[in-house]
Amino acid sequence: GDTFGEIALLDGGPRTASAAVSENASLFLLERRHFRKLLEEENELAL
């Protein structure tokens, strides 16, 4: 239920920390290039 990496999702800058899987995980991944386009289109999402 937790998420991480939102800063990079928005600014594309360097990662401020490292992340490693500490227990076998099922993850969902959202790429910045796709999300940025949607962010530009959806005011509700931006706010």
All heavy atoms as atom14 arrays in JSON, in Angstrom:
{
  "sequence": "GDTFGEIALLDGGPRTASAAVSENASLFLLERRHFRKLLEEENELAL",
  "atom14_mask": [
    [1, 1, 1, 1, 0, 0, 0, 0, 0, 0, 0, 0, 0, 0],
    [1, 1, 1, 1, 1, 1, 1, 1, 0, 0, 0, 0, 0, 0],
    [1, 1, 1, 1, 1, 1, 1, 0, 0, 0, 0, 0, 0, 0],
    [1, 1, 1, 1, 1, 1, 1, 1, 1, 1, 1, 0, 0, 0],
    [1, 1, 1, 1, 0, 0, 0, 0, 0, 0, 0, 0, 0, 0],
    [1, 1, 1, 1, 1, 1, 1, 1, 1, 0, 0, 0, 0, 0],
    [1, 1, 1, 1, 1, 1, 1, 1, 0, 0, 0, 0, 0, 0],
    [1, 1, 1, 1, 1, 0, 0, 0, 0, 0, 0, 0, 0, 0],
    [1, 1, 1, 1, 1, 1, 1, 1, 0, 0, 0, 0, 0, 0],
    [1, 1, 1, 1, 1, 1, 1, 1, 0, 0, 0, 0, 0, 0],
    [1, 1, 1, 1, 1, 1, 1, 1, 0, 0, 0, 0, 0, 0],
    [1, 1, 1, 1, 0, 0, 0, 0, 0, 0, 0, 0, 0, 0],
    [1, 1, 1, 1, 0, 0, 0, 0, 0, 0, 0, 0, 0, 0],
    [1, 1, 1, 1, 1, 1, 1, 0, 0, 0, 0, 0, 0, 0],
    [1, 1, 1, 1, 1, 1, 1, 1, 1, 1, 1, 0, 0, 0],
    [1, 1, 1, 1, 1, 1, 1, 0, 0, 0, 0, 0, 0, 0],
    [1, 1, 1, 1, 1, 0, 0, 0, 0, 0, 0, 0, 0, 0],
    [1, 1, 1, 1, 1, 1, 0, 0, 0, 0, 0, 0, 0, 0],
    [1, 1, 1, 1, 1, 0, 0, 0, 0, 0, 0, 0, 0, 0],
    [1, 1, 1, 1, 1, 0, 0, 0, 0, 0, 0, 0, 0, 0],
    [1, 1, 1, 1, 1, 1, 1, 0, 0, 0, 0, 0, 0, 0],
    [1, 1, 1, 1, 1, 1, 0, 0, 0, 0, 0, 0, 0, 0],
    [1, 1, 1, 1, 1, 1, 1, 1, 1, 0, 0, 0, 0, 0],
    [1, 1, 1, 1, 1, 1, 1, 1, 0, 0, 0, 0, 0, 0],
    [1, 1, 1, 1, 1, 0, 0, 0, 0, 0, 0, 0, 0, 0],
    [1, 1, 1, 1, 1, 1, 0, 0, 0, 0, 0, 0, 0, 0],
    [1, 1, 1, 1, 1, 1, 1, 1, 0, 0, 0, 0, 0, 0],
    [1, 1, 1, 1, 1, 1, 1, 1, 1, 1, 1, 0, 0, 0],
    [1, 1, 1, 1, 1, 1, 1, 1, 0, 0, 0, 0, 0, 0],
    [1, 1, 1, 1, 1, 1, 1, 1, 0, 0, 0, 0, 0, 0],
    [1, 1, 1, 1, 1, 1, 1, 1, 1, 0, 0, 0, 0, 0],
    [1, 1, 1, 1, 1, 1, 1, 1, 1, 1, 1, 0, 0, 0],
    [1, 1, 1, 1, 1, 1, 1, 1, 1, 1, 1, 0, 0, 0],
    [1, 1, 1, 1, 1, 1, 1, 1, 1, 1, 0, 0, 0, 0],
    [1, 1, 1, 1, 1, 1, 1, 1, 1, 1, 1, 0, 0, 0],
    [1, 1, 1, 1, 1, 1, 1, 1, 1, 1, 1, 0, 0, 0],
    [1, 1, 1, 1, 1, 1, 1, 1, 1, 0, 0, 0, 0, 0],
    [1, 1, 1, 1, 1, 1, 1, 1, 0, 0, 0, 0, 0, 0],
    [1, 1, 1, 1, 1, 1, 1, 1, 0, 0, 0, 0, 0, 0],
    [1, 1, 1, 1, 1, 1, 1, 1, 1, 0, 0, 0, 0, 0],
    [1, 1, 1, 1, 1, 1, 1, 1, 1, 0, 0, 0, 0, 0],
    [1, 1, 1, 1, 1, 1, 1, 1, 1, 0, 0, 0, 0, 0],
    [1, 1, 1, 1, 1, 1, 1, 1, 0, 0, 0, 0, 0, 0],
    [1, 1, 1, 1, 1, 1, 1, 1, 1, 0, 0, 0, 0, 0],
    [1, 1, 1, 1, 1, 1, 1, 1, 0, 0, 0, 0, 0, 0],
    [1, 1, 1, 1, 1, 0, 0, 0, 0, 0, 0, 0, 0, 0],
    [1, 1, 1, 1, 1, 1, 1, 1, 0, 0, 0, 0, 0, 0]
  ],
  "atom14_positions": [
    [[0.79, -1.22, 0.0], [0.0, 0.0, 0.0], [0.82, 1.27, 0.0], [0.3, 2.35, -0.23], [0.0, 0.0, 0.0], [0.0, 0.0, 0.0], [0.0, 0.0, 0.0], [0.0, 0.0, 0.0], [0.0, 0.0, 0.0], [0.0, 0.0, 0.0], [0.0, 0.0, 0.0], [0.0, 0.0, 0.0], [0.0, 0.0, 0.0], [0.0, 0.0, 0.0]],
    [[2.14, 1.15, 0.26], [3.01, 2.33, 0.27], [3.54, 2.62, -1.13], [3.62, 1.73, -1.99], [4.18, 2.13, 1.22], [3.75, 2.14, 2.67], [2.89, 2.96, 3.02], [4.26, 1.32, 3.46], [0.0, 0.0, 0.0], [0.0, 0.0, 0.0], [0.0, 0.0, 0.0], [0.0, 0.0, 0.0], [0.0, 0.0, 0.0], [0.0, 0.0, 0.0]],
    [[3.93, 3.87, -1.33], [4.54, 4.28, -2.59], [5.83, 5.02, -2.3], [6.05, 5.51, -1.21], [3.59, 5.21, -3.38], [3.3, 6.37, -2.61], [2.3, 4.51, -3.74], [0.0, 0.0, 0.0], [0.0, 0.0, 0.0], [0.0, 0.0, 0.0], [0.0, 0.0, 0.0], [0.0, 0.0, 0.0], [0.0, 0.0, 0.0], [0.0, 0.0, 0.0]],
    [[6.69, 5.11, -3.32], [7.94, 5.85, -3.15], [8.44, 6.26, -4.54], [8.07, 5.68, -5.55], [8.99, 5.0, -2.42], [9.29, 3.67, -3.07], [10.4, 3.51, -3.87], [8.44, 2.58, -2.87], [10.68, 2.29, -4.46], [8.71, 1.36, -3.47], [9.84, 1.21, -4.27], [0.0, 0.0, 0.0], [0.0, 0.0, 0.0], [0.0, 0.0, 0.0]],
    [[9.29, 7.29, -4.53], [9.84, 7.78, -5.79], [9.04, 8.9, -6.41], [9.23, 9.24, -7.57], [0.0, 0.0, 0.0], [0.0, 0.0, 0.0], [0.0, 0.0, 0.0], [0.0, 0.0, 0.0], [0.0, 0.0, 0.0], [0.0, 0.0, 0.0], [0.0, 0.0, 0.0], [0.0, 0.0, 0.0], [0.0, 0.0, 0.0], [0.0, 0.0, 0.0]],
    [[8.14, 9.52, -5.62], [7.27, 10.56, -6.19], [8.02, 11.83, -6.56], [7.61, 12.55, -7.48], [6.11, 10.89, -5.25], [6.5, 11.49, -3.91], [6.8, 10.45, -2.86], [6.96, 9.27, -3.22], [6.89, 10.81, -1.68], [0.0, 0.0, 0.0], [0.0, 0.0, 0.0], [0.0, 0.0, 0.0], [0.0, 0.0, 0.0], [0.0, 0.0, 0.0]],
    [[9.13, 12.11, -5.86], [9.89, 13.33, -6.19], [10.46, 13.21, -7.61], [10.33, 14.13, -8.43], [11.02, 13.57, -5.18], [10.43, 13.85, -3.8], [11.9, 14.74, -5.62], [11.46, 14.0, -2.7], [0.0, 0.0, 0.0], [0.0, 0.0, 0.0], [0.0, 0.0, 0.0], [0.0, 0.0, 0.0], [0.0, 0.0, 0.0], [0.0, 0.0, 0.0]],
    [[11.07, 12.07, -7.91], [11.62, 11.86, -9.24], [10.53, 11.81, -10.3], [10.74, 12.21, -11.44], [12.44, 10.57, -9.27], [0.0, 0.0, 0.0], [0.0, 0.0, 0.0], [0.0, 0.0, 0.0], [0.0, 0.0, 0.0], [0.0, 0.0, 0.0], [0.0, 0.0, 0.0], [0.0, 0.0, 0.0], [0.0, 0.0, 0.0], [0.0, 0.0, 0.0]],
    [[9.36, 11.34, -9.91], [8.23, 11.27, -10.84], [7.86, 12.67, -11.34], [7.47, 12.86, -12.49], [7.03, 10.63, -10.15], [5.76, 10.45, -11.0], [5.98, 9.39, -12.06], [4.58, 10.07, -10.11], [0.0, 0.0, 0.0], [0.0, 0.0, 0.0], [0.0, 0.0, 0.0], [0.0, 0.0, 0.0], [0.0, 0.0, 0.0], [0.0, 0.0, 0.0]],
    [[8.03, 13.66, -10.46], [7.62, 15.01, -10.81], [8.74, 15.86, -11.4], [8.49, 16.68, -12.29], [7.04, 15.71, -9.57], [5.75, 15.09, -9.03], [5.35, 15.76, -7.73], [4.63, 15.2, -10.05], [0.0, 0.0, 0.0], [0.0, 0.0, 0.0], [0.0, 0.0, 0.0], [0.0, 0.0, 0.0], [0.0, 0.0, 0.0], [0.0, 0.0, 0.0]],
    [[9.98, 15.7, -10.9], [11.03, 16.6, -11.4], [12.11, 15.92, -12.24], [12.92, 16.6, -12.89], [11.68, 17.36, -10.24], [12.53, 16.49, -9.32], [12.71, 15.29, -9.62], [13.02, 17.01, -8.31], [0.0, 0.0, 0.0], [0.0, 0.0, 0.0], [0.0, 0.0, 0.0], [0.0, 0.0, 0.0], [0.0, 0.0, 0.0], [0.0, 0.0, 0.0]],
    [[12.15, 14.61, -12.26], [13.13, 13.91, -13.07], [14.56, 14.08, -12.59], [15.51, 13.75, -13.31], [0.0, 0.0, 0.0], [0.0, 0.0, 0.0], [0.0, 0.0, 0.0], [0.0, 0.0, 0.0], [0.0, 0.0, 0.0], [0.0, 0.0, 0.0], [0.0, 0.0, 0.0], [0.0, 0.0, 0.0], [0.0, 0.0, 0.0], [0.0, 0.0, 0.0]],
    [[14.75, 14.6, -11.38], [16.09, 14.83, -10.85], [16.71, 13.57, -10.27], [16.12, 12.48, -10.32], [0.0, 0.0, 0.0], [0.0, 0.0, 0.0], [0.0, 0.0, 0.0], [0.0, 0.0, 0.0], [0.0, 0.0, 0.0], [0.0, 0.0, 0.0], [0.0, 0.0, 0.0], [0.0, 0.0, 0.0], [0.0, 0.0, 0.0], [0.0, 0.0, 0.0]],
    [[17.9, 13.7, -9.68], [18.59, 12.54, -9.1], [17.8, 11.97, -7.91], [17.14, 12.71, -7.17], [19.94, 13.11, -8.64], [20.11, 14.38, -9.41], [18.73, 14.91, -9.62], [0.0, 0.0, 0.0], [0.0, 0.0, 0.0], [0.0, 0.0, 0.0], [0.0, 0.0, 0.0], [0.0, 0.0, 0.0], [0.0, 0.0, 0.0], [0.0, 0.0, 0.0]],
    [[17.89, 10.67, -7.75], [17.25, 10.02, -6.6], [17.88, 10.53, -5.3], [19.11, 10.61, -5.2], [17.42, 8.5, -6.67], [16.75, 7.85, -7.86], [15.24, 7.81, -7.72], [14.64, 7.0, -8.79], [13.34, 6.83, -8.95], [12.5, 7.43, -8.12], [12.88, 6.09, -9.92], [0.0, 0.0, 0.0], [0.0, 0.0, 0.0], [0.0, 0.0, 0.0]],
    [[17.05, 10.86, -4.32], [17.56, 11.37, -3.05], [17.9, 10.25, -2.08], [18.44, 10.5, -1.01], [16.51, 12.29, -2.41], [15.28, 11.58, -2.25], [16.25, 13.51, -3.29], [0.0, 0.0, 0.0], [0.0, 0.0, 0.0], [0.0, 0.0, 0.0], [0.0, 0.0, 0.0], [0.0, 0.0, 0.0], [0.0, 0.0, 0.0], [0.0, 0.0, 0.0]],
    [[17.56, 9.01, -2.44], [17.84, 7.85, -1.59], [17.92, 6.61, -2.46], [17.63, 6.65, -3.66], [16.76, 7.7, -0.52], [0.0, 0.0, 0.0], [0.0, 0.0, 0.0], [0.0, 0.0, 0.0], [0.0, 0.0, 0.0], [0.0, 0.0, 0.0], [0.0, 0.0, 0.0], [0.0, 0.0, 0.0], [0.0, 0.0, 0.0], [0.0, 0.0, 0.0]],
    [[18.31, 5.51, -1.85], [18.35, 4.21, -2.53], [17.17, 3.37, -2.07], [16.66, 3.55, -0.95], [19.66, 3.48, -2.23], [20.78, 4.24, -2.64], [0.0, 0.0, 0.0], [0.0, 0.0, 0.0], [0.0, 0.0, 0.0], [0.0, 0.0, 0.0], [0.0, 0.0, 0.0], [0.0, 0.0, 0.0], [0.0, 0.0, 0.0], [0.0, 0.0, 0.0]],
    [[16.73, 2.44, -2.92], [15.63, 1.56, -2.55], [15.96, 0.14, -2.98], [16.37, -0.1, -4.12], [14.33, 2.02, -3.21], [0.0, 0.0, 0.0], [0.0, 0.0, 0.0], [0.0, 0.0, 0.0], [0.0, 0.0, 0.0], [0.0, 0.0, 0.0], [0.0, 0.0, 0.0], [0.0, 0.0, 0.0], [0.0, 0.0, 0.0], [0.0, 0.0, 0.0]],
    [[15.78, -0.81, -2.05], [16.06, -2.22, -2.33], [14.93, -3.07, -1.77], [14.34, -2.75, -0.73], [17.39, -2.64, -1.71], [0.0, 0.0, 0.0], [0.0, 0.0, 0.0], [0.0, 0.0, 0.0], [0.0, 0.0, 0.0], [0.0, 0.0, 0.0], [0.0, 0.0, 0.0], [0.0, 0.0, 0.0], [0.0, 0.0, 0.0], [0.0, 0.0, 0.0]],
    [[14.61, -4.14, -2.45], [13.54, -5.04, -2.02], [14.05, -5.89, -0.85], [15.04, -6.62, -0.99], [13.08, -5.94, -3.18], [12.03, -6.94, -2.71], [12.54, -5.09, -4.32], [0.0, 0.0, 0.0], [0.0, 0.0, 0.0], [0.0, 0.0, 0.0], [0.0, 0.0, 0.0], [0.0, 0.0, 0.0], [0.0, 0.0, 0.0], [0.0, 0.0, 0.0]],
    [[13.4, -5.78, 0.29], [13.82, -6.52, 1.47], [12.97, -7.77, 1.72], [13.27, -8.57, 2.61], [13.79, -5.62, 2.71], [12.52, -5.01, 2.87], [0.0, 0.0, 0.0], [0.0, 0.0, 0.0], [0.0, 0.0, 0.0], [0.0, 0.0, 0.0], [0.0, 0.0, 0.0], [0.0, 0.0, 0.0], [0.0, 0.0, 0.0], [0.0, 0.0, 0.0]],
    [[11.91, -7.93, 0.94], [11.05, -9.12, 0.99], [10.39, -9.24, -0.37], [9.9, -8.25, -0.91], [10.0, -8.96, 2.1], [9.07, -10.14, 2.27], [8.03, -9.87, 3.35], [8.41, -9.88, 4.54], [6.86, -9.63, 3.0], [0.0, 0.0, 0.0], [0.0, 0.0, 0.0], [0.0, 0.0, 0.0], [0.0, 0.0, 0.0], [0.0, 0.0, 0.0]],
    [[10.39, -10.44, -0.96], [9.83, -10.63, -2.3], [8.59, -9.76, -2.48], [7.67, -9.78, -1.66], [9.46, -12.08, -2.53], [10.67, -12.98, -2.63], [11.8, -12.49, -2.79], [10.47, -14.28, -2.55], [0.0, 0.0, 0.0], [0.0, 0.0, 0.0], [0.0, 0.0, 0.0], [0.0, 0.0, 0.0], [0.0, 0.0, 0.0], [0.0, 0.0, 0.0]],
    [[8.57, -8.99, -3.58], [7.54, -7.97, -3.72], [6.86, -8.0, -5.08], [7.45, -8.4, -6.09], [8.16, -6.59, -3.5], [0.0, 0.0, 0.0], [0.0, 0.0, 0.0], [0.0, 0.0, 0.0], [0.0, 0.0, 0.0], [0.0, 0.0, 0.0], [0.0, 0.0, 0.0], [0.0, 0.0, 0.0], [0.0, 0.0, 0.0], [0.0, 0.0, 0.0]],
    [[5.61, -7.58, -5.07], [4.87, -7.29, -6.29], [4.74, -5.78, -6.34], [4.11, -5.18, -5.45], [3.49, -7.95, -6.26], [2.73, -7.56, -7.4], [0.0, 0.0, 0.0], [0.0, 0.0, 0.0], [0.0, 0.0, 0.0], [0.0, 0.0, 0.0], [0.0, 0.0, 0.0], [0.0, 0.0, 0.0], [0.0, 0.0, 0.0], [0.0, 0.0, 0.0]],
    [[5.34, -5.16, -7.34], [5.39, -3.7, -7.43], [4.61, -3.21, -8.64], [4.47, -3.92, -9.64], [6.84, -3.23, -7.55], [7.82, -3.69, -6.48], [9.21, -3.14, -6.79], [7.37, -3.24, -5.09], [0.0, 0.0, 0.0], [0.0, 0.0, 0.0], [0.0, 0.0, 0.0], [0.0, 0.0, 0.0], [0.0, 0.0, 0.0], [0.0, 0.0, 0.0]],
    [[4.08, -1.99, -8.53], [3.57, -1.36, -9.74], [4.41, -0.12, -10.03], [4.85, 0.59, -9.14], [2.07, -1.06, -9.68], [1.61, -0.11, -8.61], [1.59, 1.26, -8.84], [1.13, -0.59, -7.4], [1.13, 2.14, -7.88], [0.66, 0.28, -6.44], [0.65, 1.65, -6.67], [0.0, 0.0, 0.0], [0.0, 0.0, 0.0], [0.0, 0.0, 0.0]],
    [[4.66, 0.07, -11.31], [5.6, 1.07, -11.79], [4.9, 2.06, -12.7], [4.15, 1.67, -13.6], [6.73, 0.36, -12.55], [7.78, 1.21, -13.25], [8.61, 1.96, -12.22], [8.67, 0.33, -14.12], [0.0, 0.0, 0.0], [0.0, 0.0, 0.0], [0.0, 0.0, 0.0], [0.0, 0.0, 0.0], [0.0, 0.0, 0.0], [0.0, 0.0, 0.0]],
    [[5.14, 3.33, -12.47], [4.56, 4.4, -13.29], [5.7, 5.28, -13.79], [6.41, 5.89, -13.0], [3.57, 5.22, -12.46], [2.87, 6.4, -13.13], [2.07, 5.93, -14.34], [1.95, 7.09, -12.13], [0.0, 0.0, 0.0], [0.0, 0.0, 0.0], [0.0, 0.0, 0.0], [0.0, 0.0, 0.0], [0.0, 0.0, 0.0], [0.0, 0.0, 0.0]],
    [[5.91, 5.33, -15.08], [7.01, 6.09, -15.64], [6.68, 7.57, -15.74], [5.55, 7.96, -16.04], [7.38, 5.56, -17.03], [7.97, 4.16, -17.0], [8.54, 3.77, -18.36], [8.77, 4.66, -19.2], [8.73, 2.56, -18.57], [0.0, 0.0, 0.0], [0.0, 0.0, 0.0], [0.0, 0.0, 0.0], [0.0, 0.0, 0.0], [0.0, 0.0, 0.0]],
    [[7.69, 8.4, -15.49], [7.54, 9.85, -15.46], [7.02, 10.4, -16.79], [6.15, 11.27, -16.82], [8.87, 10.51, -15.09], [8.78, 12.04, -15.06], [10.09, 12.66, -14.59], [9.94, 14.1, -14.46], [10.2, 14.98, -15.42], [10.65, 14.54, -16.59], [10.03, 16.27, -15.23], [0.0, 0.0, 0.0], [0.0, 0.0, 0.0], [0.0, 0.0, 0.0]],
    [[7.54, 9.9, -17.9], [7.16, 10.44, -19.21], [5.67, 10.27, -19.48], [5.05, 11.12, -20.13], [8.0, 9.81, -20.32], [7.9, 8.29, -20.41], [8.98, 7.73, -21.32], [8.98, 6.28, -21.35], [8.35, 5.57, -22.27], [7.69, 6.17, -23.25], [8.39, 4.24, -22.23], [0.0, 0.0, 0.0], [0.0, 0.0, 0.0], [0.0, 0.0, 0.0]],
    [[5.09, 9.2, -18.98], [3.66, 8.99, -19.16], [2.84, 9.83, -18.17], [1.83, 10.43, -18.54], [3.31, 7.51, -18.97], [3.95, 6.63, -19.99], [4.41, 5.36, -19.71], [4.24, 6.84, -21.3], [4.93, 4.82, -20.79], [4.84, 5.7, -21.77], [0.0, 0.0, 0.0], [0.0, 0.0, 0.0], [0.0, 0.0, 0.0], [0.0, 0.0, 0.0]],
    [[3.32, 9.86, -16.93], [2.59, 10.57, -15.89], [2.6, 12.07, -16.15], [1.6, 12.76, -15.91], [3.19, 10.26, -14.52], [2.43, 10.85, -13.37], [1.24, 10.3, -12.95], [2.9, 11.97, -12.7], [0.53, 10.84, -11.89], [2.21, 12.53, -11.65], [1.02, 11.95, -11.24], [0.0, 0.0, 0.0], [0.0, 0.0, 0.0], [0.0, 0.0, 0.0]],
    [[3.72, 12.6, -16.61], [3.84, 14.04, -16.86], [2.81, 14.5, -17.89], [2.19, 15.56, -17.74], [5.26, 14.38, -17.34], [5.48, 15.86, -17.57], [6.91, 16.13, -18.05], [7.09, 17.52, -18.42], [7.35, 18.49, -17.56], [7.47, 18.22, -16.28], [7.49, 19.74, -17.98], [0.0, 0.0, 0.0], [0.0, 0.0, 0.0], [0.0, 0.0, 0.0]],
    [[2.61, 13.72, -18.93], [1.62, 14.08, -19.95], [0.23, 14.13, -19.35], [-0.56, 15.05, -19.62], [1.68, 13.06, -21.09], [0.81, 13.41, -22.29], [1.04, 12.41, -23.41], [0.26, 12.81, -24.65], [-1.21, 12.86, -24.43], [0.0, 0.0, 0.0], [0.0, 0.0, 0.0], [0.0, 0.0, 0.0], [0.0, 0.0, 0.0], [0.0, 0.0, 0.0]],
    [[-0.08, 13.15, -18.5], [-1.39, 13.12, -17.87], [-1.55, 14.29, -16.89], [-2.62, 14.89, -16.79], [-1.58, 11.79, -17.13], [-2.93, 11.58, -16.43], [-4.06, 11.64, -17.45], [-2.93, 10.24, -15.72], [0.0, 0.0, 0.0], [0.0, 0.0, 0.0], [0.0, 0.0, 0.0], [0.0, 0.0, 0.0], [0.0, 0.0, 0.0], [0.0, 0.0, 0.0]],
    [[-0.47, 14.63, -16.19], [-0.49, 15.74, -15.24], [-0.8, 17.06, -15.95], [-1.5, 17.92, -15.4], [0.86, 15.82, -14.53], [0.97, 16.6, -13.23], [0.06, 16.0, -12.16], [2.41, 16.6, -12.73], [0.0, 0.0, 0.0], [0.0, 0.0, 0.0], [0.0, 0.0, 0.0], [0.0, 0.0, 0.0], [0.0, 0.0, 0.0], [0.0, 0.0, 0.0]],
    [[-0.3, 17.22, -17.14], [-0.56, 18.43, -17.92], [-2.01, 18.51, -18.39], [-2.54, 19.61, -18.6], [0.38, 18.48, -19.13], [1.85, 18.67, -18.76], [2.78, 18.52, -19.95], [2.29, 18.07, -21.02], [3.98, 18.84, -19.82], [0.0, 0.0, 0.0], [0.0, 0.0, 0.0], [0.0, 0.0, 0.0], [0.0, 0.0, 0.0], [0.0, 0.0, 0.0]],
    [[-2.64, 17.37, -18.52], [-4.01, 17.33, -19.04], [-5.07, 17.4, -17.95], [-6.19, 17.84, -18.2], [-4.21, 16.03, -19.85], [-3.31, 15.91, -21.07], [-3.41, 14.54, -21.71], [-4.14, 13.68, -21.16], [-2.77, 14.33, -22.75], [0.0, 0.0, 0.0], [0.0, 0.0, 0.0], [0.0, 0.0, 0.0], [0.0, 0.0, 0.0], [0.0, 0.0, 0.0]],
    [[-4.73, 16.98, -16.73], [-5.72, 16.86, -15.66], [-5.44, 17.85, -14.53], [-4.54, 17.65, -13.71], [-5.72, 15.43, -15.1], [-6.26, 14.38, -16.04], [-7.78, 14.43, -16.14], [-8.41, 15.2, -15.38], [-8.32, 13.68, -16.96], [0.0, 0.0, 0.0], [0.0, 0.0, 0.0], [0.0, 0.0, 0.0], [0.0, 0.0, 0.0], [0.0, 0.0, 0.0]],
    [[-6.22, 18.92, -14.46], [-6.06, 19.9, -13.38], [-6.31, 19.28, -12.01], [-5.64, 19.62, -11.03], [-7.01, 21.08, -13.59], [-6.61, 21.95, -14.76], [-5.45, 21.98, -15.14], [-7.57, 22.64, -15.35], [0.0, 0.0, 0.0], [0.0, 0.0, 0.0], [0.0, 0.0, 0.0], [0.0, 0.0, 0.0], [0.0, 0.0, 0.0], [0.0, 0.0, 0.0]],
    [[-7.27, 18.4, -11.93], [-7.59, 17.74, -10.66], [-6.38, 17.0, -10.13], [-6.04, 17.08, -8.94], [-8.75, 16.76, -10.84], [-9.09, 15.97, -9.57], [-10.05, 14.83, -9.81], [-10.69, 14.8, -10.88], [-10.16, 13.97, -8.92], [0.0, 0.0, 0.0], [0.0, 0.0, 0.0], [0.0, 0.0, 0.0], [0.0, 0.0, 0.0], [0.0, 0.0, 0.0]],
    [[-5.69, 16.3, -11.01], [-4.51, 15.53, -10.61], [-3.38, 16.45, -10.16], [-2.71, 16.18, -9.16], [-4.05, 14.65, -11.77], [-2.79, 13.81, -11.54], [-2.99, 12.87, -10.36], [-2.44, 13.03, -12.81], [0.0, 0.0, 0.0], [0.0, 0.0, 0.0], [0.0, 0.0, 0.0], [0.0, 0.0, 0.0], [0.0, 0.0, 0.0], [0.0, 0.0, 0.0]],
    [[-3.17, 17.56, -10.88], [-2.1, 18.5, -10.54], [-2.31, 19.1, -9.15], [-1.38, 19.14, -8.32], [-2.01, 19.61, -11.58], [0.0, 0.0, 0.0], [0.0, 0.0, 0.0], [0.0, 0.0, 0.0], [0.0, 0.0, 0.0], [0.0, 0.0, 0.0], [0.0, 0.0, 0.0], [0.0, 0.0, 0.0], [0.0, 0.0, 0.0], [0.0, 0.0, 0.0]],
    [[-3.52, 19.55, -8.85], [-3.82, 20.13, -7.54], [-3.69, 19.08, -6.44], [-3.2, 19.36, -5.34], [-5.22, 20.73, -7.54], [-5.41, 21.99, -8.41], [-6.89, 22.37, -8.48], [-4.59, 23.15, -7.86], [0.0, 0.0, 0.0], [0.0, 0.0, 0.0], [0.0, 0.0, 0.0], [0.0, 0.0, 0.0], [0.0, 0.0, 0.0], [0.0, 0.0, 0.0]]
  ]
}
